PDB file of N, CA and C in Angstrom:
ATOM      1  N   GLN A   1      -3.653  23.414   2.095  1.00  0.00           N
ATOM      2  CA  GLN A   1      -4.471  23.180   3.213  1.00  0.00           C
ATOM      3  C   GLN A   1      -5.245  21.652   3.271  1.00  0.00           C
ATOM      4  N   LEU A   2      -5.078  20.907   4.123  1.00  0.00           N
ATOM      5  CA  LEU A   2      -5.975  19.707   4.184  1.00  0.00           C
ATOM      6  C   LEU A   2      -7.275  19.841   4.571  1.00  0.00           C
ATOM      7  N   GLN A   3      -8.300  19.145   3.880  1.00  0.00           N
ATOM      8  CA  GLN A   3      -9.758  19.155   4.270  1.00  0.00           C
ATOM      9  C   GLN A   3      -9.942  17.579   4.453  1.00  0.00           C
ATOM     10  N   LEU A   4     -10.947  17.409   5.391  1.00  0.00           N
ATOM     11  CA  LEU A   4     -11.290  16.133   5.811  1.00  0.00           C
ATOM     12  C   LEU A   4     -12.638  15.844   5.655  1.00  0.00           C
ATOM     13  N   ALA A   5     -13.400  14.977   4.982  1.00  0.00           N
ATOM     14  CA  ALA A   5     -14.637  14.816   4.700  1.00  0.00           C
ATOM     15  C   ALA A   5     -14.994  13.308   5.043  1.00  0.00           C
ATOM     16  N   GLN A   6     -15.931  13.441   6.032  1.00  0.00           N
ATOM     17  CA  GLN A   6     -16.207  11.930   6.695  1.00  0.00           C
ATOM     18  C   GLN A   6     -17.624  11.773   5.913  1.00  0.00           C
ATOM     19  N   SER A   7     -17.647  10.434   6.003  1.00  0.00           N
ATOM     20  CA  SER A   7     -19.000   9.649   5.437  1.00  0.00           C
ATOM     21  C   SER A   7     -19.276   8.295   6.387  1.00  0.00           C
ATOM     22  N   GLY A   8     -20.512   7.919   6.350  1.00  0.00           N
ATOM     23  CA  GLY A   8     -20.748   6.727   7.100  1.00  0.00           C
ATOM     24  C   GLY A   8     -21.305   6.804   8.476  1.00  0.00           C
ATOM     25  N   GLY A   9     -21.658   6.280   9.363  1.00  0.00           N
ATOM     26  CA  GLY A   9     -22.550   6.686  10.874  1.00  0.00           C
ATOM     27  C   GLY A   9     -23.815   6.025  10.195  1.00  0.00           C
ATOM     28  N   GLY A  10     -24.763   6.435  11.456  1.00  0.00           N
ATOM     29  CA  GLY A  10     -25.979   6.180  11.335  1.00  0.00           C
ATOM     30  C   GLY A  10     -26.515   5.528  12.412  1.00  0.00           C
ATOM     31  N   LEU A  11     -27.687   4.799  12.470  1.00  0.00           N
ATOM     32  CA  LEU A  11     -28.576   4.408  13.536  1.00  0.00           C
ATOM     33  C   LEU A  11     -28.355   2.651  13.595  1.00  0.00           C
ATOM     34  N   VAL A  12     -27.861   1.791  14.234  1.00  0.00           N
ATOM     35  CA  VAL A  12     -27.607   0.310  14.569  1.00  0.00           C
ATOM     36  C   VAL A  12     -27.837  -0.149  15.502  1.00  0.00           C
ATOM     37  N   GLN A  13     -28.510  -1.120  15.826  1.00  0.00           N
ATOM     38  CA  GLN A  13     -28.762  -1.732  16.889  1.00  0.00           C
ATOM     39  C   GLN A  13     -27.700  -2.579  17.710  1.00  0.00           C
ATOM     40  N   ALA A  14     -27.624  -2.560  18.848  1.00  0.00           N
ATOM     41  CA  ALA A  14     -26.249  -3.047  19.685  1.00  0.00           C
ATOM     42  C   ALA A  14     -26.120  -4.600  19.021  1.00  0.00           C
ATOM     43  N   GLY A  15     -24.618  -4.771  19.155  1.00  0.00           N
ATOM     44  CA  GLY A  15     -24.227  -5.813  18.407  1.00  0.00           C
ATOM     45  C   GLY A  15     -23.902  -5.796  16.980  1.00  0.00           C
ATOM     46  N   GLY A  16     -24.288  -4.590  16.149  1.00  0.00           N
ATOM     47  CA  GLY A  16     -24.192  -4.496  15.042  1.00  0.00           C
ATOM     48  C   GLY A  16     -22.867  -3.616  14.643  1.00  0.00           C
ATOM     49  N   SER A  17     -22.527  -3.403  13.557  1.00  0.00           N
ATOM     50  CA  SER A  17     -21.361  -2.944  12.891  1.00  0.00           C
ATOM     51  C   SER A  17     -21.587  -1.635  12.077  1.00  0.00           C
ATOM     52  N   LEU A  18     -20.615  -0.771  12.023  1.00  0.00           N
ATOM     53  CA  LEU A  18     -20.849   0.440  10.884  1.00  0.00           C
ATOM     54  C   LEU A  18     -19.394   0.654  10.744  1.00  0.00           C
ATOM     55  N   ARG A  19     -19.134   1.329   9.125  1.00  0.00           N
ATOM     56  CA  ARG A  19     -18.015   1.786   9.063  1.00  0.00           C
ATOM     57  C   ARG A  19     -17.907   3.348   8.721  1.00  0.00           C
ATOM     58  N   LEU A  20     -16.873   4.055   9.199  1.00  0.00           N
ATOM     59  CA  LEU A  20     -16.554   5.553   9.117  1.00  0.00           C
ATOM     60  C   LEU A  20     -15.501   5.604   7.947  1.00  0.00           C
ATOM     61  N   SER A  21     -15.800   6.814   7.250  1.00  0.00           N
ATOM     62  CA  SER A  21     -14.822   6.794   6.314  1.00  0.00           C
ATOM     63  C   SER A  21     -14.115   8.291   6.314  1.00  0.00           C
ATOM     64  N   CYS A  22     -13.143   8.587   6.420  1.00  0.00           N
ATOM     65  CA  CYS A  22     -12.664  10.077   6.303  1.00  0.00           C
ATOM     66  C   CYS A  22     -11.441  10.086   5.289  1.00  0.00           C
ATOM     67  N   ALA A  23     -12.263  10.935   4.213  1.00  0.00           N
ATOM     68  CA  ALA A  23     -11.183  11.068   3.074  1.00  0.00           C
ATOM     69  C   ALA A  23     -10.500  12.480   2.944  1.00  0.00           C
ATOM     70  N   ALA A  24      -9.210  12.658   2.484  1.00  0.00           N
ATOM     71  CA  ALA A  24      -8.707  13.747   2.680  1.00  0.00           C
ATOM     72  C   ALA A  24      -8.559  14.241   1.302  1.00  0.00           C
ATOM     73  N   SER A  25      -8.712  15.866   1.195  1.00  0.00           N
ATOM     74  CA  SER A  25      -8.547  16.469   0.063  1.00  0.00           C
ATOM     75  C   SER A  25      -7.300  17.800   0.170  1.00  0.00           C
ATOM     76  N   GLY A  26      -6.770  18.220  -0.805  1.00  0.00           N
ATOM     77  CA  GLY A  26      -5.936  19.455  -0.853  1.00  0.00           C
ATOM     78  C   GLY A  26      -4.588  18.809  -0.579  1.00  0.00           C
ATOM     79  N   ARG A  27      -4.232  17.726  -0.224  1.00  0.00           N
ATOM     80  CA  ARG A  27      -2.974  17.238  -0.069  1.00  0.00           C
ATOM     81  C   ARG A  27      -2.987  15.683   0.377  1.00  0.00           C
ATOM     82  N   THR A  28      -2.096  15.315   0.393  1.00  0.00           N
ATOM     83  CA  THR A  28      -1.941  13.864   0.801  1.00  0.00           C
ATOM     84  C   THR A  28      -2.102  13.456   2.416  1.00  0.00           C
ATOM     85  N   PHE A  29      -2.878  12.699   2.510  1.00  0.00           N
ATOM     86  CA  PHE A  29      -3.138  12.321   3.946  1.00  0.00           C
ATOM     87  C   PHE A  29      -1.794  12.214   4.754  1.00  0.00           C
ATOM     88  N   SER A  30      -1.226  11.290   4.075  1.00  0.00           N
ATOM     89  CA  SER A  30       0.131  10.598   4.805  1.00  0.00           C
ATOM     90  C   SER A  30       1.373  11.934   4.660  1.00  0.00           C
ATOM     91  N   SER A  31       1.126  13.162   4.176  1.00  0.00           N
ATOM     92  CA  SER A  31       2.076  14.029   4.530  1.00  0.00           C
ATOM     93  C   SER A  31       1.726  14.468   5.788  1.00  0.00           C
ATOM     94  N   THR A  32       0.939  14.365   6.600  1.00  0.00           N
ATOM     95  CA  THR A  32       0.524  14.679   8.009  1.00  0.00           C
ATOM     96  C   THR A  32       1.322  13.733   8.805  1.00  0.00           C
ATOM     97  N   HIS A  33       1.379  13.998  10.384  1.00  0.00           N
ATOM     98  CA  HIS A  33       2.096  13.060  10.773  1.00  0.00           C
ATOM     99  C   HIS A  33       1.338  11.913  11.392  1.00  0.00           C
ATOM    100  N   ALA A  34       0.436  12.237  11.758  1.00  0.00           N
ATOM    101  CA  ALA A  34      -0.512  11.163  12.572  1.00  0.00           C
ATOM    102  C   ALA A  34      -1.859  11.551  12.061  1.00  0.00           C
ATOM    103  N   MET A  35      -2.922  10.524  12.460  1.00  0.00           N
ATOM    104  CA  MET A  35      -4.272  10.853  12.249  1.00  0.00           C
ATOM    105  C   MET A  35      -5.230  10.107  13.557  1.00  0.00           C
ATOM    106  N   GLY A  36      -6.192  10.513  13.796  1.00  0.00           N
ATOM    107  CA  GLY A  36      -6.748  10.165  14.917  1.00  0.00           C
ATOM    108  C   GLY A  36      -8.761   9.876  14.615  1.00  0.00           C
ATOM    109  N   TRP A  37      -9.169   9.186  15.199  1.00  0.00           N
ATOM    110  CA  TRP A  37     -10.399   9.136  15.588  1.00  0.00           C
ATOM    111  C   TRP A  37     -10.761   9.557  16.992  1.00  0.00           C
ATOM    112  N   PHE A  38     -11.704  10.579  17.203  1.00  0.00           N
ATOM    113  CA  PHE A  38     -12.273  11.084  18.379  1.00  0.00           C
ATOM    114  C   PHE A  38     -14.092  10.777  18.473  1.00  0.00           C
ATOM    115  N   ARG A  39     -14.572  11.122  19.442  1.00  0.00           N
ATOM    116  CA  ARG A  39     -15.933  11.041  19.445  1.00  0.00           C
ATOM    117  C   ARG A  39     -16.260  11.780  20.896  1.00  0.00           C
ATOM    118  N   GLN A  40     -17.377  12.205  20.573  1.00  0.00           N
ATOM    119  CA  GLN A  40     -18.071  13.279  21.883  1.00  0.00           C
ATOM    120  C   GLN A  40     -19.320  12.750  22.167  1.00  0.00           C
ATOM    121  N   GLY A  41     -19.787  12.261  23.477  1.00  0.00           N
ATOM    122  CA  GLY A  41     -21.204  11.900  23.488  1.00  0.00           C
ATOM    123  C   GLY A  41     -21.814  12.949  24.054  1.00  0.00           C
ATOM    124  N   PRO A  42     -23.260  12.803  24.266  1.00  0.00           N
ATOM    125  CA  PRO A  42     -23.740  14.083  25.113  1.00  0.00           C
ATOM    126  C   PRO A  42     -23.411  14.445  26.085  1.00  0.00           C
ATOM    127  N   GLY A  43     -23.104  15.873  26.321  1.00  0.00           N
ATOM    128  CA  GLY A  43     -22.512  16.318  27.602  1.00  0.00           C
ATOM    129  C   GLY A  43     -21.107  15.696  28.162  1.00  0.00           C
ATOM    130  N   LYS A  44     -20.392  15.134  27.159  1.00  0.00           N
ATOM    131  CA  LYS A  44     -19.299  14.558  27.434  1.00  0.00           C
ATOM    132  C   LYS A  44     -17.938  15.447  26.721  1.00  0.00           C
ATOM    133  N   ALA A  45     -16.875  15.418  27.194  1.00  0.00           N
ATOM    134  CA  ALA A  45     -15.671  15.791  26.579  1.00  0.00           C
ATOM    135  C   ALA A  45     -15.452  15.013  25.454  1.00  0.00           C
ATOM    136  N   ARG A  46     -14.899  15.396  24.339  1.00  0.00           N
ATOM    137  CA  ARG A  46     -14.131  14.659  23.181  1.00  0.00           C
ATOM    138  C   ARG A  46     -13.137  13.777  23.609  1.00  0.00           C
ATOM    139  N   GLU A  47     -13.430  12.282  23.218  1.00  0.00           N
ATOM    140  CA  GLU A  47     -12.468  11.328  23.401  1.00  0.00           C
ATOM    141  C   GLU A  47     -11.740  10.648  22.539  1.00  0.00           C
ATOM    142  N   PHE A  48     -10.626  10.495  22.811  1.00  0.00           N
ATOM    143  CA  PHE A  48      -9.841   9.682  21.367  1.00  0.00           C
ATOM    144  C   PHE A  48     -10.277   8.297  21.303  1.00  0.00           C
ATOM    145  N   VAL A  49     -10.576   7.502  20.301  1.00  0.00           N
ATOM    146  CA  VAL A  49     -10.702   6.364  20.045  1.00  0.00           C
ATOM    147  C   VAL A  49      -9.766   5.787  19.119  1.00  0.00           C
ATOM    148  N   ALA A  50      -9.036   6.166  18.560  1.00  0.00           N
ATOM    149  CA  ALA A  50      -8.125   5.239  17.639  1.00  0.00           C
ATOM    150  C   ALA A  50      -7.205   6.390  16.824  1.00  0.00           C
ATOM    151  N   GLY A  51      -6.186   5.581  16.938  1.00  0.00           N
ATOM    152  CA  GLY A  51      -5.133   6.662  15.906  1.00  0.00           C
ATOM    153  C   GLY A  51      -3.721   5.856  15.546  1.00  0.00           C
ATOM    154  N   PHE A  52      -3.321   6.256  14.693  1.00  0.00           N
ATOM    155  CA  PHE A  52      -1.810   6.044  14.312  1.00  0.00           C
ATOM    156  C   PHE A  52      -0.860   6.958  13.629  1.00  0.00           C
ATOM    157  N   ARG A  53       0.332   6.845  13.565  1.00  0.00           N
ATOM    158  CA  ARG A  53       1.408   7.705  13.108  1.00  0.00           C
ATOM    159  C   ARG A  53       1.784   7.011  11.619  1.00  0.00           C
ATOM    160  N   TRP A  54       1.587   7.831  10.670  1.00  0.00           N
ATOM    161  CA  TRP A  54       1.892   7.236   9.207  1.00  0.00           C
ATOM    162  C   TRP A  54       3.290   6.547   9.234  1.00  0.00           C
ATOM    163  N   SER A  55       4.044   7.005  10.106  1.00  0.00           N
ATOM    164  CA  SER A  55       5.426   6.230  10.141  1.00  0.00           C
ATOM    165  C   SER A  55       5.578   5.012  10.599  1.00  0.00           C
ATOM    166  N   GLU A  56       4.523   4.503  11.365  1.00  0.00           N
ATOM    167  CA  GLU A  56       4.499   3.267  12.364  1.00  0.00           C
ATOM    168  C   GLU A  56       3.475   2.559  11.586  1.00  0.00           C
ATOM    169  N   ILE A  57       3.712   1.166  11.836  1.00  0.00           N
ATOM    170  CA  ILE A  57       2.738   0.202  11.616  1.00  0.00           C
ATOM    171  C   ILE A  57       1.504   0.083  12.335  1.00  0.00           C
ATOM    172  N   GLY A  58       1.631  -0.017  13.709  1.00  0.00           N
ATOM    173  CA  GLY A  58       0.876  -0.425  14.936  1.00  0.00           C
ATOM    174  C   GLY A  58      -0.154   0.809  15.003  1.00  0.00           C
ATOM    175  N   SER A  59      -1.152   0.585  15.535  1.00  0.00           N
ATOM    176  CA  SER A  59      -2.524   1.661  15.753  1.00  0.00           C
ATOM    177  C   SER A  59      -2.753   1.536  17.412  1.00  0.00           C
ATOM    178  N   TYR A  60      -3.297   2.689  17.779  1.00  0.00           N
ATOM    179  CA  TYR A  60      -3.499   2.617  19.288  1.00  0.00           C
ATOM    180  C   TYR A  60      -4.979   3.113  19.346  1.00  0.00           C
ATOM    181  N   TYR A  61      -5.401   2.285  20.398  1.00  0.00           N
ATOM    182  CA  TYR A  61      -7.012   2.439  20.828  1.00  0.00           C
ATOM    183  C   TYR A  61      -7.294   2.715  22.370  1.00  0.00           C
ATOM    184  N   VAL A  62      -8.194   3.196  22.581  1.00  0.00           N
ATOM    185  CA  VAL A  62      -8.717   3.572  23.784  1.00  0.00           C
ATOM    186  C   VAL A  62      -9.321   2.058  24.248  1.00  0.00           C
ATOM    187  N   ASP A  63      -9.025   1.753  25.533  1.00  0.00           N
ATOM    188  CA  ASP A  63      -9.490   0.487  25.915  1.00  0.00           C
ATOM    189  C   ASP A  63     -10.892   0.008  25.787  1.00  0.00           C
ATOM    190  N   SER A  64     -11.631   0.804  25.977  1.00  0.00           N
ATOM    191  CA  SER A  64     -13.249   0.555  25.533  1.00  0.00           C
ATOM    192  C   SER A  64     -13.688   0.049  24.240  1.00  0.00           C
ATOM    193  N   VAL A  65     -12.613   0.151  23.188  1.00  0.00           N
ATOM    194  CA  VAL A  65     -12.863  -0.280  21.980  1.00  0.00           C
ATOM    195  C   VAL A  65     -11.788  -1.153  21.486  1.00  0.00           C
ATOM    196  N   LYS A  66     -11.082  -1.761  22.115  1.00  0.00           N
ATOM    197  CA  LYS A  66     -10.058  -2.558  21.789  1.00  0.00           C
ATOM    198  C   LYS A  66     -10.882  -3.957  21.462  1.00  0.00           C
ATOM    199  N   GLY A  67     -10.299  -4.552  20.479  1.00  0.00           N
ATOM    200  CA  GLY A  67     -11.055  -5.852  19.877  1.00  0.00           C
ATOM    201  C   GLY A  67     -12.310  -5.645  19.297  1.00  0.00           C
ATOM    202  N   ARG A  68     -12.901  -4.402  19.147  1.00  0.00           N
ATOM    203  CA  ARG A  68     -14.148  -4.169  18.479  1.00  0.00           C
ATOM    204  C   ARG A  68     -13.776  -3.256  17.560  1.00  0.00           C
ATOM    205  N   PHE A  69     -13.262  -2.365  17.540  1.00  0.00           N
ATOM    206  CA  PHE A  69     -12.859  -1.242  16.536  1.00  0.00           C
ATOM    207  C   PHE A  69     -11.530  -1.484  15.877  1.00  0.00           C
ATOM    208  N   THR A  70     -11.429  -1.145  14.609  1.00  0.00           N
ATOM    209  CA  THR A  70     -10.344  -1.398  13.700  1.00  0.00           C
ATOM    210  C   THR A  70     -10.137  -0.160  12.958  1.00  0.00           C
ATOM    211  N   ILE A  71      -8.957   0.684  13.069  1.00  0.00           N
ATOM    212  CA  ILE A  71      -8.705   1.752  12.297  1.00  0.00           C
ATOM    213  C   ILE A  71      -7.808   1.068  10.903  1.00  0.00           C
ATOM    214  N   SER A  72      -8.170   1.512  10.013  1.00  0.00           N
ATOM    215  CA  SER A  72      -7.010   1.208   8.714  1.00  0.00           C
ATOM    216  C   SER A  72      -6.823   2.549   7.761  1.00  0.00           C
ATOM    217  N   ARG A  73      -6.242   2.261   6.840  1.00  0.00           N
ATOM    218  CA  ARG A  73      -5.806   3.430   6.175  1.00  0.00           C
ATOM    219  C   ARG A  73      -5.624   2.720   4.517  1.00  0.00           C
ATOM    220  N   ASP A  74      -6.175   3.666   3.501  1.00  0.00           N
ATOM    221  CA  ASP A  74      -5.962   3.505   2.215  1.00  0.00           C
ATOM    222  C   ASP A  74      -5.176   4.523   1.294  1.00  0.00           C
ATOM    223  N   ASN A  75      -4.014   4.532   1.254  1.00  0.00           N
ATOM    224  CA  ASN A  75      -3.067   5.472   0.745  1.00  0.00           C
ATOM    225  C   ASN A  75      -3.345   5.982  -0.490  1.00  0.00           C
ATOM    226  N   ALA A  76      -3.949   5.026  -1.446  1.00  0.00           N
ATOM    227  CA  ALA A  76      -4.147   5.087  -2.615  1.00  0.00           C
ATOM    228  C   ALA A  76      -5.446   6.048  -2.869  1.00  0.00           C
ATOM    229  N   LYS A  77      -6.367   5.621  -1.999  1.00  0.00           N
ATOM    230  CA  LYS A  77      -7.707   6.750  -1.788  1.00  0.00           C
ATOM    231  C   LYS A  77      -7.582   7.939  -1.130  1.00  0.00           C
ATOM    232  N   ASN A  78      -6.394   7.883  -0.154  1.00  0.00           N
ATOM    233  CA  ASN A  78      -6.383   9.250   0.499  1.00  0.00           C
ATOM    234  C   ASN A  78      -7.430   9.165   1.527  1.00  0.00           C
ATOM    235  N   THR A  79      -7.629   7.860   2.194  1.00  0.00           N
ATOM    236  CA  THR A  79      -8.835   8.039   3.176  1.00  0.00           C
ATOM    237  C   THR A  79      -8.292   6.923   4.160  1.00  0.00           C
ATOM    238  N   VAL A  80      -9.114   7.167   5.335  1.00  0.00           N
ATOM    239  CA  VAL A  80      -8.833   6.443   6.652  1.00  0.00           C
ATOM    240  C   VAL A  80     -10.253   5.982   6.954  1.00  0.00           C
ATOM    241  N   TYR A  81     -10.146   4.723   7.591  1.00  0.00           N
ATOM    242  CA  TYR A  81     -11.351   4.145   7.989  1.00  0.00           C
ATOM    243  C   TYR A  81     -11.359   3.672   9.475  1.00  0.00           C
ATOM    244  N   LEU A  82     -12.898   3.669   9.979  1.00  0.00           N
ATOM    245  CA  LEU A  82     -12.774   3.097  11.391  1.00  0.00           C
ATOM    246  C   LEU A  82     -13.918   2.379  11.183  1.00  0.00           C
ATOM    247  N   GLN A  83     -13.630   0.887  11.273  1.00  0.00           N
ATOM    248  CA  GLN A  83     -14.821  -0.252  11.537  1.00  0.00           C
ATOM    249  C   GLN A  83     -14.889  -0.425  12.750  1.00  0.00           C
ATOM    250  N   MET A  84     -16.220  -0.374  13.032  1.00  0.00           N
ATOM    251  CA  MET A  84     -16.717  -0.678  14.331  1.00  0.00           C
ATOM    252  C   MET A  84     -17.525  -1.864  14.663  1.00  0.00           C
ATOM    253  N   ASN A  85     -17.402  -2.677  15.406  1.00  0.00           N
ATOM    254  CA  ASN A  85     -17.948  -4.037  15.487  1.00  0.00           C
ATOM    255  C   ASN A  85     -18.581  -4.222  16.966  1.00  0.00           C
ATOM    256  N   SER A  86     -19.590  -4.850  16.961  1.00  0.00           N
ATOM    257  CA  SER A  86     -19.907  -5.338  18.277  1.00  0.00           C
ATOM    258  C   SER A  86     -20.343  -4.245  18.941  1.00  0.00           C
ATOM    259  N   LEU A  87     -20.995  -3.183  18.299  1.00  0.00           N
ATOM    260  CA  LEU A  87     -21.376  -1.727  18.691  1.00  0.00           C
ATOM    261  C   LEU A  87     -22.330  -2.074  20.042  1.00  0.00           C
ATOM    262  N   LYS A  88     -21.993  -1.042  21.092  1.00  0.00           N
ATOM    263  CA  LYS A  88     -22.705  -0.661  22.367  1.00  0.00           C
ATOM    264  C   LYS A  88     -23.286   0.631  22.356  1.00  0.00           C
ATOM    265  N   PRO A  89     -24.439   0.536  23.217  1.00  0.00           N
ATOM    266  CA  PRO A  89     -25.205   1.887  23.187  1.00  0.00           C
ATOM    267  C   PRO A  89     -24.278   2.714  23.745  1.00  0.00           C
ATOM    268  N   GLU A  90     -23.183   2.479  24.792  1.00  0.00           N
ATOM    269  CA  GLU A  90     -22.212   3.403  25.270  1.00  0.00           C
ATOM    270  C   GLU A  90     -21.437   3.941  24.085  1.00  0.00           C
ATOM    271  N   ASP A  91     -21.235   3.489  22.914  1.00  0.00           N
ATOM    272  CA  ASP A  91     -20.726   3.801  21.804  1.00  0.00           C
ATOM    273  C   ASP A  91     -21.267   5.242  21.008  1.00  0.00           C
ATOM    274  N   THR A  92     -22.632   5.464  21.334  1.00  0.00           N
ATOM    275  CA  THR A  92     -23.285   6.524  20.894  1.00  0.00           C
ATOM    276  C   THR A  92     -22.364   7.666  21.015  1.00  0.00           C
ATOM    277  N   ALA A  93     -22.229   8.533  20.048  1.00  0.00           N
ATOM    278  CA  ALA A  93     -21.549   9.857  19.926  1.00  0.00           C
ATOM    279  C   ALA A  93     -21.440  10.449  18.456  1.00  0.00           C
ATOM    280  N   VAL A  94     -20.973  11.614  18.447  1.00  0.00           N
ATOM    281  CA  VAL A  94     -20.537  12.271  17.200  1.00  0.00           C
ATOM    282  C   VAL A  94     -19.071  11.661  17.186  1.00  0.00           C
ATOM    283  N   TYR A  95     -18.885  11.224  16.118  1.00  0.00           N
ATOM    284  CA  TYR A  95     -17.385  10.667  15.804  1.00  0.00           C
ATOM    285  C   TYR A  95     -16.884  11.660  14.612  1.00  0.00           C
ATOM    286  N   TYR A  96     -15.401  12.058  15.232  1.00  0.00           N
ATOM    287  CA  TYR A  96     -14.751  12.841  14.308  1.00  0.00           C
ATOM    288  C   TYR A  96     -13.476  12.256  13.824  1.00  0.00           C
ATOM    289  N   CYS A  97     -13.117  12.518  12.781  1.00  0.00           N
ATOM    290  CA  CYS A  97     -11.746  12.216  12.323  1.00  0.00           C
ATOM    291  C   CYS A  97     -10.518  13.514  12.416  1.00  0.00           C
ATOM    292  N   ALA A  98      -9.131  13.353  12.553  1.00  0.00           N
ATOM    293  CA  ALA A  98      -8.571  14.663  12.748  1.00  0.00           C
ATOM    294  C   ALA A  98      -7.204  14.084  12.201  1.00  0.00           C
ATOM    295  N   ALA A  99      -6.306  15.257  11.871  1.00  0.00           N
ATOM    296  CA  ALA A  99      -5.045  14.883  11.412  1.00  0.00           C
ATOM    297  C   ALA A  99      -3.887  16.098  12.162  1.00  0.00           C
ATOM    298  N   VAL A 100      -2.900  15.346  12.605  1.00  0.00           N
ATOM    299  CA  VAL A 100      -1.851  16.329  13.252  1.00  0.00           C
ATOM    300  C   VAL A 100      -0.538  16.295  12.354  1.00  0.00           C
ATOM    301  N   GLU A 101      -0.099  17.819  12.245  1.00  0.00           N
ATOM    302  CA  GLU A 101       1.254  17.978  11.601  1.00  0.00           C
ATOM    303  C   GLU A 101       2.497  17.769  12.201  1.00  0.00           C
ATOM    304  N   THR A 102       2.398  17.905  13.590  1.00  0.00           N
ATOM    305  CA  THR A 102       3.565  17.600  14.456  1.00  0.00           C
ATOM    306  C   THR A 102       3.719  16.403  15.158  1.00  0.00           C
ATOM    307  N   TYR A 103       5.018  16.008  15.318  1.00  0.00           N
ATOM    308  CA  TYR A 103       5.170  14.698  16.345  1.00  0.00           C
ATOM    309  C   TYR A 103       4.890  15.182  17.869  1.00  0.00           C
ATOM    310  N   TYR A 104       4.103  14.365  18.322  1.00  0.00           N
ATOM    311  CA  TYR A 104       3.896  14.333  20.038  1.00  0.00           C
ATOM    312  C   TYR A 104       4.103  13.218  20.307  1.00  0.00           C
ATOM    313  N   ASP A 105       4.321  13.020  21.821  1.00  0.00           N
ATOM    314  CA  ASP A 105       4.487  11.741  22.170  1.00  0.00           C
ATOM    315  C   ASP A 105       3.403  10.951  22.454  1.00  0.00           C
ATOM    316  N   THR A 106       2.121  11.668  22.274  1.00  0.00           N
ATOM    317  CA  THR A 106       0.746  10.857  22.595  1.00  0.00           C
ATOM    318  C   THR A 106       0.241  11.411  21.353  1.00  0.00           C
ATOM    319  N   LEU A 107      -0.992  10.844  20.961  1.00  0.00           N
ATOM    320  CA  LEU A 107      -2.099  11.111  20.127  1.00  0.00           C
ATOM    321  C   LEU A 107      -3.385  11.050  20.731  1.00  0.00           C
ATOM    322  N   ASP A 108      -3.590  11.191  22.087  1.00  0.00           N
ATOM    323  CA  ASP A 108      -4.934  11.020  22.356  1.00  0.00           C
ATOM    324  C   ASP A 108      -5.647  12.305  22.898  1.00  0.00           C
ATOM    325  N   ARG A 109      -4.880  13.542  22.611  1.00  0.00           N
ATOM    326  CA  ARG A 109      -5.163  14.719  23.079  1.00  0.00           C
ATOM    327  C   ARG A 109      -5.769  15.586  22.109  1.00  0.00           C
ATOM    328  N   ALA A 110      -7.254  15.666  22.055  1.00  0.00           N
ATOM    329  CA  ALA A 110      -7.782  16.649  20.749  1.00  0.00           C
ATOM    330  C   ALA A 110      -7.010  17.967  20.592  1.00  0.00           C
ATOM    331  N   GLY A 111      -6.602  18.498  21.702  1.00  0.00           N
ATOM    332  CA  GLY A 111      -6.104  20.039  21.324  1.00  0.00           C
ATOM    333  C   GLY A 111      -4.904  19.867  20.496  1.00  0.00           C
ATOM    334  N   LEU A 112      -4.110  18.754  20.261  1.00  0.00           N
ATOM    335  CA  LEU A 112      -3.235  18.958  19.358  1.00  0.00           C
ATOM    336  C   LEU A 112      -3.208  18.618  17.915  1.00  0.00           C
ATOM    337  N   TYR A 113      -4.458  18.345  17.609  1.00  0.00           N
ATOM    338  CA  TYR A 113      -4.955  18.099  16.164  1.00  0.00           C
ATOM    339  C   TYR A 113      -5.064  19.395  15.492  1.00  0.00           C
ATOM    340  N   ASP A 114      -4.576  19.287  14.236  1.00  0.00           N
ATOM    341  CA  ASP A 114      -4.612  20.586  13.317  1.00  0.00           C
ATOM    342  C   ASP A 114      -5.949  20.512  12.320  1.00  0.00           C
ATOM    343  N   TYR A 115      -6.342  19.365  12.211  1.00  0.00           N
ATOM    344  CA  TYR A 115      -7.462  19.575  11.014  1.00  0.00           C
ATOM    345  C   TYR A 115      -8.627  18.432  11.632  1.00  0.00           C
ATOM    346  N   TRP A 116      -9.776  18.751  11.516  1.00  0.00           N
ATOM    347  CA  TRP A 116     -10.769  17.839  11.510  1.00  0.00           C
ATOM    348  C   TRP A 116     -12.007  17.578  10.838  1.00  0.00           C
ATOM    349  N   GLY A 117     -12.522  16.575  10.532  1.00  0.00           N
ATOM    350  CA  GLY A 117     -13.576  16.236   9.922  1.00  0.00           C
ATOM    351  C   GLY A 117     -14.748  16.900  10.295  1.00  0.00           C
ATOM    352  N   GLN A 118     -16.066  16.877   9.702  1.00  0.00           N
ATOM    353  CA  GLN A 118     -17.134  17.658  10.018  1.00  0.00           C
ATOM    354  C   GLN A 118     -17.920  16.881  11.356  1.00  0.00           C
ATOM    355  N   GLY A 119     -17.370  15.421  11.184  1.00  0.00           N
ATOM    356  CA  GLY A 119     -18.341  15.038  12.606  1.00  0.00           C
ATOM    357  C   GLY A 119     -19.472  14.222  11.718  1.00  0.00           C
ATOM    358  N   THR A 120     -19.890  12.915  12.361  1.00  0.00           N
ATOM    359  CA  THR A 120     -21.089  12.036  11.782  1.00  0.00           C
ATOM    360  C   THR A 120     -21.517  11.301  13.212  1.00  0.00           C
ATOM    361  N   GLN A 121     -22.676  11.339  13.162  1.00  0.00           N
ATOM    362  CA  GLN A 121     -23.450  10.881  14.198  1.00  0.00           C
ATOM    363  C   GLN A 121     -23.470   8.961  14.314  1.00  0.00           C
ATOM    364  N   VAL A 122     -23.022   8.676  15.352  1.00  0.00           N
ATOM    365  CA  VAL A 122     -23.252   7.144  15.463  1.00  0.00           C
ATOM    366  C   VAL A 122     -24.250   7.075  16.532  1.00  0.00           C
ATOM    367  N   THR A 123     -25.341   6.186  16.251  1.00  0.00           N
ATOM    368  CA  THR A 123     -26.368   5.921  17.485  1.00  0.00           C
ATOM    369  C   THR A 123     -26.629   4.478  17.641  1.00  0.00           C
ATOM    370  N   VAL A 124     -26.275   3.939  18.905  1.00  0.00           N
ATOM    371  CA  VAL A 124     -26.629   2.472  18.922  1.00  0.00           C
ATOM    372  C   VAL A 124     -27.825   2.240  19.811  1.00  0.00           C
ATOM    373  N   SER A 125     -28.881   1.862  19.422  1.00  0.00           N
ATOM    374  CA  SER A 125     -29.968   1.178  20.348  1.00  0.00           C
ATOM    375  C   SER A 125     -29.825   0.015  20.793  1.00  0.00           C
ATOM    376  N   SER A 126     -30.211  -0.006  22.045  1.00  0.00           N
ATOM    377  CA  SER A 126     -30.179  -1.135  22.850  1.00  0.00           C
ATOM    378  C   SER A 126     -31.561  -2.208  22.886  1.00  0.00           C
TER     379      SER A 126
END
């Protein structure tokens, strides 16, 4: 069984940066098919932010974070990161990391994911 533990997040002013971490335990992160970062703002549905397949070099991002957020992986530490720069108030949300076992054509549907981190609050003040 894979367990995901998140860290990072907090309160930052608009234009600032934060880095979220998602550490896997129980088994190797890369033994899953793909992982993703999602967020859920107040009163909103859970939204895909970024993700990648372990077998691919590239990553995927929602348009609203392209050029500002970067997803990265450290296989040795069994950890995935989300670097968030130029943060905006609309980025305020609870952020979740997730992993999926099975190949799907898309990575942006939360219902496809098998494992979830506990979530971490990111608040961006204006």
